[in-house]
N, C-alpha and C. Protein backbone atom coordinates (compact mmCIF):
# COMPACT_ATOMS: atom_id res chain seq x y z
N MET A 1 43.29 3.32 -33.20
CA MET A 1 43.51 3.14 -31.79
C MET A 1 42.23 2.59 -31.17
N THR A 2 42.36 1.60 -30.34
CA THR A 2 41.20 1.00 -29.69
C THR A 2 41.33 1.11 -28.18
N THR A 3 40.21 1.31 -27.55
CA THR A 3 40.17 1.32 -26.07
C THR A 3 39.04 0.42 -25.62
N ARG A 4 39.18 -0.07 -24.45
CA ARG A 4 38.13 -0.92 -23.90
C ARG A 4 37.14 -0.07 -23.12
N ALA A 5 35.89 -0.25 -23.45
CA ALA A 5 34.83 0.45 -22.74
C ALA A 5 34.01 -0.60 -21.99
N ARG A 6 34.43 -0.90 -20.81
CA ARG A 6 33.74 -1.91 -20.01
C ARG A 6 32.83 -1.21 -19.01
N LYS A 7 31.58 -1.63 -18.98
CA LYS A 7 30.63 -1.01 -18.06
C LYS A 7 31.00 -1.38 -16.63
N SER A 8 30.75 -0.44 -15.74
CA SER A 8 31.01 -0.68 -14.33
C SER A 8 30.00 -1.67 -13.78
N ILE A 9 30.44 -2.46 -12.83
CA ILE A 9 29.53 -3.41 -12.20
C ILE A 9 28.43 -2.70 -11.44
N LEU A 10 28.70 -1.48 -11.01
CA LEU A 10 27.71 -0.70 -10.26
C LEU A 10 26.55 -0.23 -11.14
N GLU A 11 26.69 -0.31 -12.44
CA GLU A 11 25.62 0.06 -13.35
C GLU A 11 24.65 -1.10 -13.60
N SER A 12 24.98 -2.27 -13.11
CA SER A 12 24.13 -3.43 -13.34
C SER A 12 23.02 -3.51 -12.30
N PRO A 13 21.78 -3.65 -12.73
CA PRO A 13 20.69 -3.83 -11.75
C PRO A 13 20.82 -5.15 -10.99
N TRP A 14 21.44 -6.15 -11.61
CA TRP A 14 21.61 -7.45 -10.93
C TRP A 14 22.57 -7.34 -9.76
N TYR A 15 23.56 -6.49 -9.89
CA TYR A 15 24.48 -6.28 -8.75
C TYR A 15 23.71 -5.69 -7.58
N TRP A 16 22.83 -4.73 -7.85
CA TRP A 16 22.08 -4.08 -6.78
C TRP A 16 21.05 -5.02 -6.17
N ILE A 17 20.46 -5.88 -6.98
CA ILE A 17 19.56 -6.90 -6.43
C ILE A 17 20.34 -7.81 -5.50
N TYR A 18 21.53 -8.23 -5.94
CA TYR A 18 22.39 -9.07 -5.10
C TYR A 18 22.74 -8.35 -3.80
N ALA A 19 23.15 -7.10 -3.88
CA ALA A 19 23.56 -6.35 -2.69
C ALA A 19 22.41 -6.18 -1.71
N PHE A 20 21.22 -5.80 -2.21
CA PHE A 20 20.08 -5.61 -1.31
C PHE A 20 19.61 -6.93 -0.71
N ALA A 21 19.66 -8.01 -1.49
CA ALA A 21 19.28 -9.32 -0.95
C ALA A 21 20.26 -9.76 0.13
N ALA A 22 21.55 -9.51 -0.06
CA ALA A 22 22.55 -9.89 0.94
C ALA A 22 22.36 -9.09 2.23
N VAL A 23 22.10 -7.80 2.10
CA VAL A 23 21.86 -6.96 3.29
C VAL A 23 20.57 -7.39 3.98
N GLY A 24 19.54 -7.67 3.20
CA GLY A 24 18.28 -8.14 3.77
C GLY A 24 18.44 -9.45 4.52
N LEU A 25 19.24 -10.35 3.97
CA LEU A 25 19.49 -11.63 4.63
C LEU A 25 20.26 -11.42 5.93
N ALA A 26 21.25 -10.54 5.92
CA ALA A 26 22.02 -10.26 7.14
C ALA A 26 21.11 -9.64 8.21
N LEU A 27 20.26 -8.71 7.82
CA LEU A 27 19.35 -8.09 8.78
C LEU A 27 18.32 -9.09 9.31
N LEU A 28 17.87 -9.98 8.46
CA LEU A 28 16.93 -11.00 8.89
C LEU A 28 17.58 -11.94 9.91
N LEU A 29 18.84 -12.27 9.70
CA LEU A 29 19.56 -13.10 10.67
C LEU A 29 19.70 -12.39 12.02
N LEU A 30 19.92 -11.08 11.97
CA LEU A 30 20.07 -10.33 13.21
C LEU A 30 18.76 -10.21 13.98
N ILE A 31 17.66 -10.06 13.28
CA ILE A 31 16.38 -9.81 13.95
C ILE A 31 15.63 -11.10 14.29
N GLN A 32 16.07 -12.22 13.79
CA GLN A 32 15.35 -13.47 13.98
C GLN A 32 15.06 -13.81 15.45
N PRO A 33 16.00 -13.73 16.39
CA PRO A 33 15.68 -14.09 17.78
C PRO A 33 14.61 -13.19 18.40
N LYS A 34 14.69 -11.90 18.13
CA LYS A 34 13.70 -10.97 18.68
C LYS A 34 12.33 -11.23 18.05
N PHE A 35 12.30 -11.49 16.75
CA PHE A 35 11.05 -11.79 16.07
C PHE A 35 10.43 -13.07 16.63
N ALA A 36 11.25 -14.09 16.86
CA ALA A 36 10.74 -15.37 17.36
C ALA A 36 10.05 -15.18 18.71
N GLN A 37 10.67 -14.43 19.60
CA GLN A 37 10.09 -14.22 20.91
C GLN A 37 8.79 -13.41 20.82
N ARG A 38 8.81 -12.35 20.04
CA ARG A 38 7.62 -11.51 19.90
C ARG A 38 6.47 -12.28 19.25
N GLN A 39 6.77 -13.04 18.22
CA GLN A 39 5.74 -13.81 17.53
C GLN A 39 5.16 -14.88 18.46
N ALA A 40 6.01 -15.53 19.25
CA ALA A 40 5.53 -16.54 20.20
C ALA A 40 4.59 -15.91 21.22
N ASN A 41 4.92 -14.71 21.71
CA ASN A 41 4.05 -14.02 22.66
C ASN A 41 2.70 -13.68 22.04
N GLN A 42 2.71 -13.20 20.81
CA GLN A 42 1.44 -12.87 20.14
C GLN A 42 0.60 -14.12 19.92
N GLU A 43 1.25 -15.21 19.53
CA GLU A 43 0.51 -16.45 19.32
C GLU A 43 -0.05 -16.98 20.64
N LYS A 44 0.70 -16.84 21.72
CA LYS A 44 0.20 -17.27 23.04
C LYS A 44 -1.04 -16.47 23.43
N GLN A 45 -1.03 -15.17 23.18
CA GLN A 45 -2.20 -14.34 23.50
C GLN A 45 -3.42 -14.79 22.69
N HIS A 46 -3.21 -15.04 21.43
CA HIS A 46 -4.31 -15.49 20.57
C HIS A 46 -4.83 -16.85 21.05
N GLN A 47 -3.91 -17.75 21.39
CA GLN A 47 -4.32 -19.08 21.84
C GLN A 47 -5.03 -19.01 23.19
N ALA A 48 -4.63 -18.08 24.05
CA ALA A 48 -5.31 -17.90 25.34
C ALA A 48 -6.76 -17.45 25.11
N ARG A 49 -6.96 -16.55 24.15
CA ARG A 49 -8.33 -16.13 23.82
C ARG A 49 -9.15 -17.30 23.27
N GLN A 50 -8.51 -18.13 22.44
CA GLN A 50 -9.20 -19.31 21.92
C GLN A 50 -9.59 -20.27 23.04
N ARG A 51 -8.66 -20.49 23.97
CA ARG A 51 -8.94 -21.39 25.10
C ARG A 51 -10.07 -20.84 25.96
N ALA A 52 -10.06 -19.53 26.23
CA ALA A 52 -11.12 -18.92 27.04
C ALA A 52 -12.48 -19.07 26.35
N HIS A 53 -12.49 -18.91 25.03
CA HIS A 53 -13.74 -19.06 24.28
C HIS A 53 -14.22 -20.51 24.34
N GLN A 54 -13.30 -21.46 24.24
CA GLN A 54 -13.67 -22.88 24.32
C GLN A 54 -14.21 -23.22 25.71
N ILE A 55 -13.60 -22.67 26.75
CA ILE A 55 -14.05 -22.92 28.13
C ILE A 55 -15.45 -22.33 28.33
N GLU A 56 -15.69 -21.13 27.78
CA GLU A 56 -17.02 -20.52 27.88
C GLU A 56 -18.10 -21.39 27.25
N GLN A 57 -17.74 -22.08 26.18
CA GLN A 57 -18.70 -22.94 25.49
C GLN A 57 -18.83 -24.31 26.15
N GLY A 58 -18.04 -24.55 27.20
CA GLY A 58 -18.10 -25.83 27.91
C GLY A 58 -17.26 -26.92 27.27
N LYS A 59 -16.39 -26.58 26.35
CA LYS A 59 -15.51 -27.55 25.71
C LYS A 59 -14.17 -27.59 26.43
N THR A 60 -13.46 -28.70 26.29
CA THR A 60 -12.12 -28.76 26.85
C THR A 60 -11.15 -28.13 25.86
N PRO A 61 -10.24 -27.28 26.33
CA PRO A 61 -9.30 -26.62 25.42
C PRO A 61 -8.37 -27.62 24.74
N THR A 62 -8.21 -27.44 23.43
CA THR A 62 -7.36 -28.35 22.65
C THR A 62 -6.14 -27.64 22.06
N VAL A 63 -6.02 -26.34 22.31
CA VAL A 63 -4.95 -25.57 21.70
C VAL A 63 -3.69 -25.64 22.57
N GLU A 64 -2.56 -25.99 21.94
CA GLU A 64 -1.29 -26.01 22.66
C GLU A 64 -0.62 -24.65 22.55
N PRO A 65 -0.06 -24.15 23.66
CA PRO A 65 0.60 -22.83 23.58
C PRO A 65 1.87 -22.87 22.73
N SER A 66 2.12 -21.79 22.02
CA SER A 66 3.31 -21.67 21.18
C SER A 66 4.54 -21.34 22.02
N THR A 67 5.69 -21.72 21.51
CA THR A 67 6.97 -21.34 22.10
C THR A 67 7.79 -20.66 21.02
N ALA A 68 8.96 -20.14 21.40
CA ALA A 68 9.82 -19.47 20.42
C ALA A 68 10.30 -20.45 19.34
N GLU A 69 10.44 -21.72 19.70
CA GLU A 69 10.89 -22.73 18.73
C GLU A 69 9.73 -23.35 17.96
N ASN A 70 8.55 -23.33 18.55
CA ASN A 70 7.38 -23.97 17.95
C ASN A 70 6.31 -22.92 17.69
N ARG A 71 6.47 -22.19 16.57
CA ARG A 71 5.53 -21.13 16.22
C ARG A 71 4.77 -21.50 14.96
N ILE A 72 3.65 -20.83 14.77
CA ILE A 72 2.87 -21.03 13.55
C ILE A 72 3.51 -20.24 12.41
N VAL A 73 3.87 -18.98 12.67
CA VAL A 73 4.47 -18.12 11.66
C VAL A 73 6.00 -18.25 11.76
N GLN A 74 6.62 -18.66 10.68
CA GLN A 74 8.07 -18.86 10.62
C GLN A 74 8.69 -17.90 9.61
N LEU A 75 9.97 -17.69 9.72
CA LEU A 75 10.70 -16.84 8.77
C LEU A 75 11.37 -17.64 7.65
N LYS A 76 11.21 -18.96 7.66
CA LYS A 76 11.88 -19.79 6.66
C LYS A 76 11.55 -19.40 5.22
N PRO A 77 10.28 -19.13 4.87
CA PRO A 77 10.01 -18.75 3.47
C PRO A 77 10.75 -17.48 3.05
N LEU A 78 10.86 -16.52 3.96
CA LEU A 78 11.58 -15.29 3.64
C LEU A 78 13.08 -15.56 3.48
N PHE A 79 13.64 -16.40 4.35
CA PHE A 79 15.04 -16.79 4.21
C PHE A 79 15.29 -17.46 2.87
N ILE A 80 14.44 -18.40 2.52
CA ILE A 80 14.60 -19.13 1.25
C ILE A 80 14.50 -18.18 0.07
N PHE A 81 13.51 -17.29 0.09
CA PHE A 81 13.35 -16.33 -1.00
C PHE A 81 14.59 -15.46 -1.16
N LEU A 82 15.12 -14.92 -0.05
CA LEU A 82 16.29 -14.05 -0.14
C LEU A 82 17.54 -14.80 -0.58
N ILE A 83 17.70 -16.04 -0.15
CA ILE A 83 18.86 -16.83 -0.57
C ILE A 83 18.79 -17.12 -2.06
N VAL A 84 17.61 -17.53 -2.54
CA VAL A 84 17.46 -17.83 -3.98
C VAL A 84 17.67 -16.57 -4.81
N LEU A 85 17.10 -15.45 -4.36
CA LEU A 85 17.26 -14.18 -5.07
C LEU A 85 18.73 -13.75 -5.10
N MET A 86 19.42 -13.89 -3.97
CA MET A 86 20.82 -13.50 -3.90
C MET A 86 21.69 -14.38 -4.81
N LEU A 87 21.45 -15.68 -4.79
CA LEU A 87 22.23 -16.58 -5.64
C LEU A 87 21.97 -16.32 -7.13
N ALA A 88 20.71 -16.14 -7.49
CA ALA A 88 20.39 -15.87 -8.90
C ALA A 88 21.02 -14.56 -9.36
N ALA A 89 20.93 -13.53 -8.54
CA ALA A 89 21.52 -12.24 -8.91
C ALA A 89 23.03 -12.33 -9.01
N TRP A 90 23.66 -13.09 -8.13
CA TRP A 90 25.11 -13.23 -8.18
C TRP A 90 25.53 -13.98 -9.44
N ILE A 91 24.79 -15.03 -9.79
CA ILE A 91 25.13 -15.79 -10.99
C ILE A 91 25.03 -14.91 -12.23
N VAL A 92 23.94 -14.15 -12.35
CA VAL A 92 23.77 -13.27 -13.51
C VAL A 92 24.85 -12.19 -13.52
N THR A 93 25.16 -11.62 -12.36
CA THR A 93 26.21 -10.60 -12.28
C THR A 93 27.55 -11.19 -12.69
N TRP A 94 27.86 -12.36 -12.20
CA TRP A 94 29.14 -12.99 -12.52
C TRP A 94 29.23 -13.28 -14.01
N ARG A 95 28.15 -13.81 -14.59
CA ARG A 95 28.18 -14.14 -16.01
C ARG A 95 28.33 -12.90 -16.89
N THR A 96 27.68 -11.80 -16.50
CA THR A 96 27.71 -10.62 -17.36
C THR A 96 28.95 -9.76 -17.16
N HIS A 97 29.58 -9.85 -16.01
CA HIS A 97 30.71 -8.94 -15.75
C HIS A 97 32.06 -9.62 -15.61
N PHE A 98 32.09 -10.88 -15.25
CA PHE A 98 33.38 -11.52 -15.01
C PHE A 98 33.69 -12.65 -15.98
N TYR A 99 32.69 -13.28 -16.49
CA TYR A 99 32.87 -14.41 -17.39
C TYR A 99 32.71 -13.93 -18.83
N ARG A 100 33.74 -14.04 -19.59
CA ARG A 100 33.69 -13.61 -21.00
C ARG A 100 33.95 -14.81 -21.90
N ARG A 101 33.05 -15.01 -22.84
CA ARG A 101 33.24 -16.10 -23.81
C ARG A 101 34.03 -15.58 -24.99
N SER A 102 34.87 -16.43 -25.50
CA SER A 102 35.60 -16.04 -26.69
C SER A 102 34.75 -16.36 -27.91
N SER A 103 34.67 -15.41 -28.81
CA SER A 103 33.90 -15.65 -30.03
C SER A 103 34.80 -16.33 -31.05
N PRO A 104 34.23 -17.17 -31.91
CA PRO A 104 35.04 -17.88 -32.90
C PRO A 104 35.72 -16.90 -33.86
N GLY A 105 36.98 -17.12 -34.07
CA GLY A 105 37.73 -16.28 -35.01
C GLY A 105 38.33 -15.04 -34.38
N SER A 106 38.13 -14.80 -33.13
CA SER A 106 38.72 -13.61 -32.51
C SER A 106 40.04 -13.99 -31.86
N SER A 107 40.91 -13.00 -31.73
CA SER A 107 42.22 -13.27 -31.18
C SER A 107 42.24 -13.22 -29.66
N SER A 108 41.29 -12.48 -29.07
CA SER A 108 41.23 -12.43 -27.62
C SER A 108 39.77 -12.53 -27.17
N PRO A 109 39.55 -12.99 -25.95
CA PRO A 109 38.17 -13.16 -25.50
C PRO A 109 37.40 -11.86 -25.34
N ASP A 110 38.07 -10.75 -25.21
CA ASP A 110 37.38 -9.49 -24.98
C ASP A 110 37.31 -8.60 -26.21
N ASP A 111 37.51 -9.15 -27.42
CA ASP A 111 37.48 -8.33 -28.63
C ASP A 111 36.11 -7.71 -28.88
N HIS A 112 35.06 -8.36 -28.42
CA HIS A 112 33.73 -7.81 -28.66
C HIS A 112 33.48 -6.58 -27.79
N ASP A 113 34.31 -6.31 -26.80
CA ASP A 113 34.14 -5.13 -25.94
C ASP A 113 34.91 -3.93 -26.46
N GLU A 114 35.75 -4.12 -27.47
CA GLU A 114 36.57 -3.03 -27.95
C GLU A 114 35.78 -2.12 -28.88
N LYS A 115 36.01 -0.83 -28.76
CA LYS A 115 35.37 0.15 -29.63
C LYS A 115 36.45 1.02 -30.27
N GLU A 116 36.23 1.37 -31.50
CA GLU A 116 37.18 2.23 -32.19
C GLU A 116 36.88 3.67 -31.90
N ILE A 117 37.92 4.43 -31.63
CA ILE A 117 37.78 5.87 -31.41
C ILE A 117 38.43 6.57 -32.60
N PRO A 118 37.67 7.42 -33.32
CA PRO A 118 38.24 8.06 -34.53
C PRO A 118 39.31 9.07 -34.20
């Protein structure tokens, strides 16, 4: 008698990497507008200090103030990292849990998953 012993997808670390990356990406999308405004305000404060220092030295200020759309610090690298991580984890999860190759000489594609029970 043979039974199939297929591991649960929840036991795969790649599934959990995929899940955490997807949640991280969703949270990053939600927080992006608030982050943009806060980061622009911090950059404006820093640039104001730079301008005041330049004025004290008798130079004309050359620093342009930041806006929410035009910031020095962006979230794009984090978005790209999470998207690549999520896609890679999904591909590995799909290959290991859903895609089964048939081995030569076997009658069914899942014969390598079967175990004999005495």
